[in-house]
Amino acid sequence: MRKLEVPNTLVLQSAIRQEVAQNHQHRFLHRIHCMLLLAQGFSCYQVAEWFDEHPRTVERWAHYYKQYGIDGLRDDQKTGRPAKLRDDQLRQVQKDILKLPRELGYSQDAWNGKLLQNYLEHHHDVGLSVRQCQRILHHT
C-alpha cells in the first residue's frame, strides 16, 4: 500500500487548532480522535505532536476518559479548583459592588481590587488575591 503524502502539515495543524478552539463540539470530537489513536497504541507524545498539543494535555484527556468515560472529554466535565465564594456569596458581592463603597461604610468612592479583597475578608471570611478581586469587578 502506497503512503499518501499530505503537503503543508503545519497549515493543516493550524487549521485543526483553529476549528477546535472555536467550537465545543469540535473540541469534544478532537479529544475522541486523540483517544482513538491512543487506543490504537500510539503514545501521548506522538498524538500530541501530530495535533500540535502538549503531551501533558493528551495525558490529562486520557485520565478524564479513564475516570469519566466519553463524557470526561466534554468541556463541562472538568472540575478544577473549587470556588472560594459560594454562589449565594457571589450574588451578594455582585449586589454590593453595584453600590458605592461609602454606602457600606468605606471611605472610598470607587471599588478597586484591594478594597474588594478587604470587603471579602471582613464580610464573607474569604481570602482572594487582589487580581482575582479585579476580575470579579471587571465581570460585574
N, C-alpha and C. Protein backbone atom coordinates (compact mmCIF):
# COMPACT_ATOMS: atom_id res chain seq x y z
N MET A 1 0.85 -1.18 0.00
CA MET A 1 0.00 0.00 0.00
C MET A 1 0.89 1.24 0.00
N ARG A 2 0.56 2.18 -0.85
CA ARG A 2 1.37 3.38 -1.01
C ARG A 2 0.99 4.41 0.03
N LYS A 3 2.00 5.06 0.62
CA LYS A 3 1.79 6.10 1.63
C LYS A 3 1.37 7.39 0.95
N LEU A 4 0.33 7.99 1.45
CA LEU A 4 -0.18 9.25 0.91
C LEU A 4 0.53 10.40 1.59
N GLU A 5 1.10 11.29 0.82
CA GLU A 5 1.79 12.47 1.35
C GLU A 5 0.81 13.64 1.37
N VAL A 6 0.73 14.30 2.51
CA VAL A 6 -0.12 15.49 2.63
C VAL A 6 0.79 16.69 2.76
N PRO A 7 0.72 17.63 1.80
CA PRO A 7 1.60 18.80 1.87
C PRO A 7 1.13 19.77 2.96
N ASN A 8 2.06 20.58 3.40
CA ASN A 8 1.77 21.66 4.35
C ASN A 8 1.13 21.16 5.65
N THR A 9 1.79 20.23 6.32
CA THR A 9 1.23 19.72 7.57
C THR A 9 1.10 20.82 8.62
N LEU A 10 1.97 21.81 8.60
CA LEU A 10 1.85 22.92 9.56
C LEU A 10 0.56 23.71 9.32
N VAL A 11 0.20 23.88 8.06
CA VAL A 11 -1.04 24.58 7.73
C VAL A 11 -2.23 23.75 8.20
N LEU A 12 -2.16 22.45 8.00
CA LEU A 12 -3.23 21.55 8.43
C LEU A 12 -3.35 21.56 9.97
N GLN A 13 -2.23 21.49 10.67
CA GLN A 13 -2.25 21.56 12.13
C GLN A 13 -2.87 22.87 12.60
N SER A 14 -2.52 23.96 11.97
CA SER A 14 -3.06 25.27 12.34
C SER A 14 -4.58 25.31 12.10
N ALA A 15 -5.03 24.76 10.99
CA ALA A 15 -6.46 24.74 10.68
C ALA A 15 -7.22 23.90 11.71
N ILE A 16 -6.66 22.78 12.10
CA ILE A 16 -7.30 21.93 13.12
C ILE A 16 -7.40 22.70 14.43
N ARG A 17 -6.31 23.34 14.84
CA ARG A 17 -6.32 24.09 16.11
C ARG A 17 -7.35 25.23 16.09
N GLN A 18 -7.47 25.91 14.96
CA GLN A 18 -8.45 27.00 14.87
C GLN A 18 -9.87 26.47 15.00
N GLU A 19 -10.17 25.38 14.32
CA GLU A 19 -11.51 24.80 14.39
C GLU A 19 -11.82 24.31 15.80
N VAL A 20 -10.85 23.65 16.41
CA VAL A 20 -11.03 23.11 17.75
C VAL A 20 -11.24 24.24 18.76
N ALA A 21 -10.54 25.34 18.59
CA ALA A 21 -10.64 26.46 19.53
C ALA A 21 -11.98 27.18 19.44
N GLN A 22 -12.65 27.08 18.31
CA GLN A 22 -13.86 27.86 18.08
C GLN A 22 -15.16 27.17 18.49
N ASN A 23 -15.12 25.88 18.77
CA ASN A 23 -16.38 25.16 18.91
C ASN A 23 -16.26 24.04 19.94
N HIS A 24 -17.18 24.00 20.90
CA HIS A 24 -17.16 22.97 21.94
C HIS A 24 -17.28 21.57 21.33
N GLN A 25 -18.16 21.43 20.35
CA GLN A 25 -18.35 20.12 19.72
C GLN A 25 -17.09 19.67 18.99
N HIS A 26 -16.42 20.59 18.34
CA HIS A 26 -15.17 20.25 17.65
C HIS A 26 -14.10 19.82 18.65
N ARG A 27 -14.03 20.51 19.80
CA ARG A 27 -13.06 20.13 20.83
C ARG A 27 -13.34 18.72 21.33
N PHE A 28 -14.61 18.43 21.56
CA PHE A 28 -15.02 17.11 22.03
C PHE A 28 -14.62 16.03 21.01
N LEU A 29 -14.93 16.25 19.75
CA LEU A 29 -14.58 15.28 18.70
C LEU A 29 -13.07 15.14 18.56
N HIS A 30 -12.36 16.23 18.69
CA HIS A 30 -10.89 16.20 18.62
C HIS A 30 -10.33 15.31 19.72
N ARG A 31 -10.86 15.45 20.92
CA ARG A 31 -10.39 14.64 22.04
C ARG A 31 -10.72 13.16 21.83
N ILE A 32 -11.90 12.88 21.28
CA ILE A 32 -12.26 11.50 20.98
C ILE A 32 -11.29 10.91 19.97
N HIS A 33 -10.96 11.68 18.93
CA HIS A 33 -9.99 11.20 17.94
C HIS A 33 -8.65 10.90 18.58
N CYS A 34 -8.22 11.76 19.48
CA CYS A 34 -6.95 11.53 20.17
C CYS A 34 -7.01 10.25 21.01
N MET A 35 -8.14 10.00 21.67
CA MET A 35 -8.28 8.78 22.47
C MET A 35 -8.27 7.54 21.58
N LEU A 36 -8.88 7.67 20.41
CA LEU A 36 -8.87 6.55 19.46
C LEU A 36 -7.45 6.21 19.05
N LEU A 37 -6.64 7.21 18.80
CA LEU A 37 -5.24 6.98 18.44
C LEU A 37 -4.47 6.35 19.60
N LEU A 38 -4.75 6.79 20.82
CA LEU A 38 -4.11 6.17 21.98
C LEU A 38 -4.53 4.70 22.09
N ALA A 39 -5.81 4.44 21.85
CA ALA A 39 -6.31 3.06 21.91
C ALA A 39 -5.67 2.18 20.83
N GLN A 40 -5.23 2.79 19.74
CA GLN A 40 -4.57 2.05 18.66
C GLN A 40 -3.09 1.81 18.96
N GLY A 41 -2.62 2.31 20.10
CA GLY A 41 -1.25 2.04 20.52
C GLY A 41 -0.27 3.18 20.34
N PHE A 42 -0.72 4.30 19.85
CA PHE A 42 0.17 5.44 19.70
C PHE A 42 0.36 6.10 21.07
N SER A 43 1.50 6.70 21.29
CA SER A 43 1.79 7.32 22.58
C SER A 43 1.20 8.72 22.66
N CYS A 44 1.07 9.21 23.89
CA CYS A 44 0.60 10.58 24.10
C CYS A 44 1.51 11.57 23.38
N TYR A 45 2.80 11.25 23.37
CA TYR A 45 3.77 12.14 22.72
C TYR A 45 3.57 12.19 21.21
N GLN A 46 3.29 11.03 20.61
CA GLN A 46 3.04 11.01 19.17
C GLN A 46 1.77 11.78 18.82
N VAL A 47 0.70 11.48 19.54
CA VAL A 47 -0.59 12.14 19.27
C VAL A 47 -0.46 13.64 19.48
N ALA A 48 0.21 14.03 20.55
CA ALA A 48 0.40 15.45 20.83
C ALA A 48 1.17 16.14 19.71
N GLU A 49 2.20 15.48 19.22
CA GLU A 49 2.99 16.07 18.14
C GLU A 49 2.17 16.22 16.87
N TRP A 50 1.39 15.21 16.55
CA TRP A 50 0.59 15.27 15.32
C TRP A 50 -0.40 16.42 15.34
N PHE A 51 -0.98 16.69 16.51
CA PHE A 51 -2.03 17.70 16.60
C PHE A 51 -1.55 19.00 17.23
N ASP A 52 -0.24 19.14 17.40
CA ASP A 52 0.35 20.35 17.97
C ASP A 52 -0.25 20.65 19.34
N GLU A 53 -0.37 19.61 20.15
CA GLU A 53 -0.83 19.73 21.53
C GLU A 53 0.36 19.47 22.44
N HIS A 54 0.22 19.78 23.70
CA HIS A 54 1.24 19.44 24.67
C HIS A 54 0.98 17.99 25.11
N PRO A 55 2.01 17.17 25.25
CA PRO A 55 1.80 15.78 25.66
C PRO A 55 1.04 15.66 26.99
N ARG A 56 1.27 16.59 27.90
CA ARG A 56 0.57 16.54 29.18
C ARG A 56 -0.93 16.76 28.99
N THR A 57 -1.30 17.57 28.00
CA THR A 57 -2.72 17.79 27.71
C THR A 57 -3.36 16.48 27.27
N VAL A 58 -2.71 15.77 26.37
CA VAL A 58 -3.24 14.49 25.89
C VAL A 58 -3.32 13.49 27.06
N GLU A 59 -2.33 13.48 27.93
CA GLU A 59 -2.36 12.61 29.11
C GLU A 59 -3.55 12.96 30.00
N ARG A 60 -3.81 14.25 30.17
CA ARG A 60 -4.93 14.69 31.01
C ARG A 60 -6.26 14.23 30.41
N TRP A 61 -6.39 14.36 29.07
CA TRP A 61 -7.61 13.88 28.41
C TRP A 61 -7.78 12.38 28.64
N ALA A 62 -6.68 11.63 28.54
CA ALA A 62 -6.74 10.18 28.76
C ALA A 62 -7.20 9.89 30.19
N HIS A 63 -6.70 10.67 31.14
CA HIS A 63 -7.11 10.49 32.54
C HIS A 63 -8.61 10.76 32.68
N TYR A 64 -9.11 11.84 32.10
CA TYR A 64 -10.54 12.15 32.16
C TYR A 64 -11.35 11.03 31.51
N TYR A 65 -10.86 10.51 30.40
CA TYR A 65 -11.57 9.43 29.71
C TYR A 65 -11.63 8.18 30.59
N LYS A 66 -10.51 7.84 31.22
CA LYS A 66 -10.50 6.67 32.11
C LYS A 66 -11.41 6.87 33.31
N GLN A 67 -11.45 8.07 33.83
CA GLN A 67 -12.23 8.34 35.03
C GLN A 67 -13.72 8.49 34.75
N TYR A 68 -14.09 9.18 33.65
CA TYR A 68 -15.49 9.53 33.40
C TYR A 68 -16.07 8.95 32.11
N GLY A 69 -15.27 8.23 31.35
CA GLY A 69 -15.74 7.72 30.07
C GLY A 69 -15.79 8.85 29.04
N ILE A 70 -16.57 8.65 28.01
CA ILE A 70 -16.67 9.63 26.92
C ILE A 70 -17.04 11.02 27.45
N ASP A 71 -17.93 11.07 28.45
CA ASP A 71 -18.35 12.37 28.98
C ASP A 71 -17.20 13.14 29.61
N GLY A 72 -16.15 12.46 30.02
CA GLY A 72 -14.99 13.13 30.58
C GLY A 72 -14.24 13.98 29.57
N LEU A 73 -14.53 13.78 28.30
CA LEU A 73 -13.86 14.56 27.25
C LEU A 73 -14.63 15.82 26.89
N ARG A 74 -15.80 15.99 27.45
CA ARG A 74 -16.59 17.20 27.19
C ARG A 74 -16.05 18.34 28.04
N ASP A 75 -16.21 19.56 27.55
CA ASP A 75 -15.72 20.74 28.26
C ASP A 75 -16.34 20.89 29.64
N ASP A 76 -17.60 20.56 29.78
CA ASP A 76 -18.30 20.83 31.04
C ASP A 76 -18.02 19.81 32.14
N GLN A 77 -17.21 18.80 31.89
CA GLN A 77 -16.94 17.78 32.90
C GLN A 77 -15.72 18.08 33.75
N LYS A 78 -15.00 19.11 33.45
CA LYS A 78 -13.79 19.43 34.20
C LYS A 78 -14.16 20.02 35.55
N THR A 79 -13.49 19.61 36.57
CA THR A 79 -13.84 20.09 37.90
C THR A 79 -13.04 21.31 38.29
N GLY A 80 -11.74 21.27 38.16
CA GLY A 80 -10.91 22.41 38.52
C GLY A 80 -10.90 22.66 40.01
N ARG A 81 -10.32 23.75 40.40
CA ARG A 81 -10.23 24.12 41.81
C ARG A 81 -11.61 24.61 42.27
N PRO A 82 -12.05 24.18 43.44
CA PRO A 82 -13.35 24.65 43.93
C PRO A 82 -13.33 26.15 44.17
N ALA A 83 -14.46 26.79 43.91
CA ALA A 83 -14.58 28.23 44.12
C ALA A 83 -14.53 28.54 45.61
N LYS A 84 -13.88 29.63 45.97
CA LYS A 84 -13.83 30.04 47.37
C LYS A 84 -15.13 30.71 47.79
N LEU A 85 -15.78 31.38 46.84
CA LEU A 85 -17.06 32.03 47.12
C LEU A 85 -18.19 31.10 46.70
N ARG A 86 -19.12 30.85 47.60
CA ARG A 86 -20.31 30.09 47.24
C ARG A 86 -21.16 30.95 46.28
N ASP A 87 -22.08 30.33 45.58
CA ASP A 87 -22.93 31.05 44.63
C ASP A 87 -23.72 32.16 45.32
N ASP A 88 -24.26 31.87 46.51
CA ASP A 88 -25.04 32.90 47.22
C ASP A 88 -24.15 34.06 47.66
N GLN A 89 -22.90 33.75 48.05
CA GLN A 89 -21.96 34.81 48.43
C GLN A 89 -21.62 35.68 47.22
N LEU A 90 -21.36 35.03 46.09
CA LEU A 90 -21.02 35.78 44.88
C LEU A 90 -22.16 36.69 44.46
N ARG A 91 -23.39 36.19 44.55
CA ARG A 91 -24.55 37.05 44.21
C ARG A 91 -24.62 38.27 45.13
N GLN A 92 -24.36 38.05 46.41
CA GLN A 92 -24.38 39.16 47.37
C GLN A 92 -23.27 40.16 47.07
N VAL A 93 -22.08 39.65 46.76
CA VAL A 93 -20.94 40.52 46.42
C VAL A 93 -21.29 41.34 45.18
N GLN A 94 -21.87 40.69 44.18
CA GLN A 94 -22.23 41.40 42.95
C GLN A 94 -23.24 42.51 43.23
N LYS A 95 -24.17 42.26 44.12
CA LYS A 95 -25.14 43.31 44.50
C LYS A 95 -24.43 44.45 45.23
N ASP A 96 -23.55 44.08 46.18
CA ASP A 96 -22.89 45.10 46.99
C ASP A 96 -21.94 45.98 46.18
N ILE A 97 -21.26 45.41 45.20
CA ILE A 97 -20.31 46.24 44.46
C ILE A 97 -20.99 47.14 43.44
N LEU A 98 -22.30 46.98 43.28
CA LEU A 98 -23.05 47.94 42.47
C LEU A 98 -23.33 49.21 43.27
N LYS A 99 -23.18 49.11 44.60
CA LYS A 99 -23.34 50.28 45.47
C LYS A 99 -21.99 50.99 45.58
N LEU A 100 -22.02 52.22 46.02
CA LEU A 100 -20.79 52.93 46.32
C LEU A 100 -20.18 52.34 47.59
N PRO A 101 -18.89 52.23 47.67
CA PRO A 101 -18.26 51.71 48.89
C PRO A 101 -18.65 52.50 50.14
N ARG A 102 -18.90 53.80 49.99
CA ARG A 102 -19.30 54.63 51.14
C ARG A 102 -20.61 54.14 51.76
N GLU A 103 -21.50 53.59 50.91
CA GLU A 103 -22.77 53.07 51.42
C GLU A 103 -22.56 51.86 52.32
N LEU A 104 -21.41 51.23 52.22
CA LEU A 104 -21.09 50.05 53.03
C LEU A 104 -20.10 50.37 54.14
N GLY A 105 -19.86 51.67 54.34
CA GLY A 105 -19.02 52.09 55.45
C GLY A 105 -17.56 52.32 55.11
N TYR A 106 -17.20 52.29 53.85
CA TYR A 106 -15.81 52.54 53.46
C TYR A 106 -15.63 54.02 53.12
N SER A 107 -14.40 54.49 53.17
CA SER A 107 -14.13 55.91 52.91
C SER A 107 -13.88 56.20 51.43
N GLN A 108 -13.82 55.19 50.61
CA GLN A 108 -13.54 55.38 49.18
C GLN A 108 -14.83 55.56 48.39
N ASP A 109 -14.69 56.20 47.22
CA ASP A 109 -15.84 56.44 46.35
C ASP A 109 -15.98 55.38 45.26
N ALA A 110 -14.95 54.60 45.02
CA ALA A 110 -14.99 53.62 43.93
C ALA A 110 -14.33 52.31 44.39
N TRP A 111 -14.79 51.22 43.81
CA TRP A 111 -14.23 49.91 44.11
C TRP A 111 -12.92 49.70 43.36
N ASN A 112 -12.01 49.01 44.01
CA ASN A 112 -10.80 48.53 43.34
C ASN A 112 -10.50 47.15 43.93
N GLY A 113 -9.51 46.48 43.39
CA GLY A 113 -9.20 45.12 43.83
C GLY A 113 -8.85 45.02 45.30
N LYS A 114 -8.07 45.95 45.78
CA LYS A 114 -7.65 45.92 47.19
C LYS A 114 -8.84 46.12 48.12
N LEU A 115 -9.73 47.04 47.78
CA LEU A 115 -10.90 47.30 48.61
C LEU A 115 -11.83 46.08 48.61
N LEU A 116 -12.05 45.48 47.45
CA LEU A 116 -12.90 44.29 47.38
C LEU A 116 -12.27 43.14 48.18
N GLN A 117 -10.96 43.03 48.12
CA GLN A 117 -10.27 42.00 48.90
C GLN A 117 -10.56 42.19 50.39
N ASN A 118 -10.46 43.43 50.85
CA ASN A 118 -10.74 43.74 52.25
C ASN A 118 -12.20 43.43 52.60
N TYR A 119 -13.12 43.83 51.73
CA TYR A 119 -14.55 43.57 51.93
C TYR A 119 -14.81 42.07 52.06
N LEU A 120 -14.23 41.26 51.17
CA LEU A 120 -14.45 39.81 51.20
C LEU A 120 -13.92 39.18 52.48
N GLU A 121 -12.77 39.65 52.93
CA GLU A 121 -12.19 39.10 54.16
C GLU A 121 -13.07 39.42 55.37
N HIS A 122 -13.59 40.64 55.43
CA HIS A 122 -14.35 41.06 56.61
C HIS A 122 -15.82 40.65 56.58
N HIS A 123 -16.43 40.60 55.40
CA HIS A 123 -17.86 40.29 55.33
C HIS A 123 -18.17 38.84 54.99
N HIS A 124 -17.23 38.16 54.35
CA HIS A 124 -17.50 36.78 53.92
C HIS A 124 -16.44 35.79 54.38
N ASP A 125 -15.43 36.28 55.11
CA ASP A 125 -14.34 35.43 55.60
C ASP A 125 -13.71 34.62 54.46
N VAL A 126 -13.51 35.29 53.32
CA VAL A 126 -12.93 34.66 52.13
C VAL A 126 -11.70 35.46 51.72
N GLY A 127 -10.60 34.76 51.51
CA GLY A 127 -9.38 35.41 51.07
C GLY A 127 -9.12 35.16 49.59
N LEU A 128 -9.18 36.20 48.80
CA LEU A 128 -8.85 36.13 47.38
C LEU A 128 -7.72 37.10 47.08
N SER A 129 -7.00 36.82 46.01
CA SER A 129 -5.93 37.73 45.61
C SER A 129 -6.53 39.03 45.07
N VAL A 130 -5.73 40.07 45.07
CA VAL A 130 -6.18 41.35 44.51
C VAL A 130 -6.55 41.16 43.05
N ARG A 131 -5.75 40.37 42.32
CA ARG A 131 -6.03 40.15 40.89
C ARG A 131 -7.38 39.45 40.69
N GLN A 132 -7.68 38.46 41.51
CA GLN A 132 -8.97 37.79 41.39
C GLN A 132 -10.11 38.75 41.71
N CYS A 133 -9.90 39.61 42.69
CA CYS A 133 -10.91 40.63 43.02
C CYS A 133 -11.11 41.59 41.85
N GLN A 134 -10.04 41.94 41.16
CA GLN A 134 -10.15 42.79 39.98
C GLN A 134 -10.96 42.10 38.89
N ARG A 135 -10.79 40.78 38.75
CA ARG A 135 -11.58 40.03 37.76
C ARG A 135 -13.06 40.07 38.10
N ILE A 136 -13.37 39.91 39.37
CA ILE A 136 -14.77 39.97 39.80
C ILE A 136 -15.34 41.34 39.47
N LEU A 137 -14.60 42.39 39.75
CA LEU A 137 -15.06 43.75 39.45
C LEU A 137 -15.26 43.94 37.96
N HIS A 138 -14.37 43.41 37.18
CA HIS A 138 -14.43 43.55 35.72
C HIS A 138 -15.65 42.83 35.14
N HIS A 139 -16.02 41.70 35.73
CA HIS A 139 -17.12 40.89 35.19
C HIS A 139 -18.47 41.24 35.77
N THR A 140 -18.50 42.22 36.66
CA THR A 140 -19.78 42.61 37.26
C THR A 140 -20.26 43.93 36.68
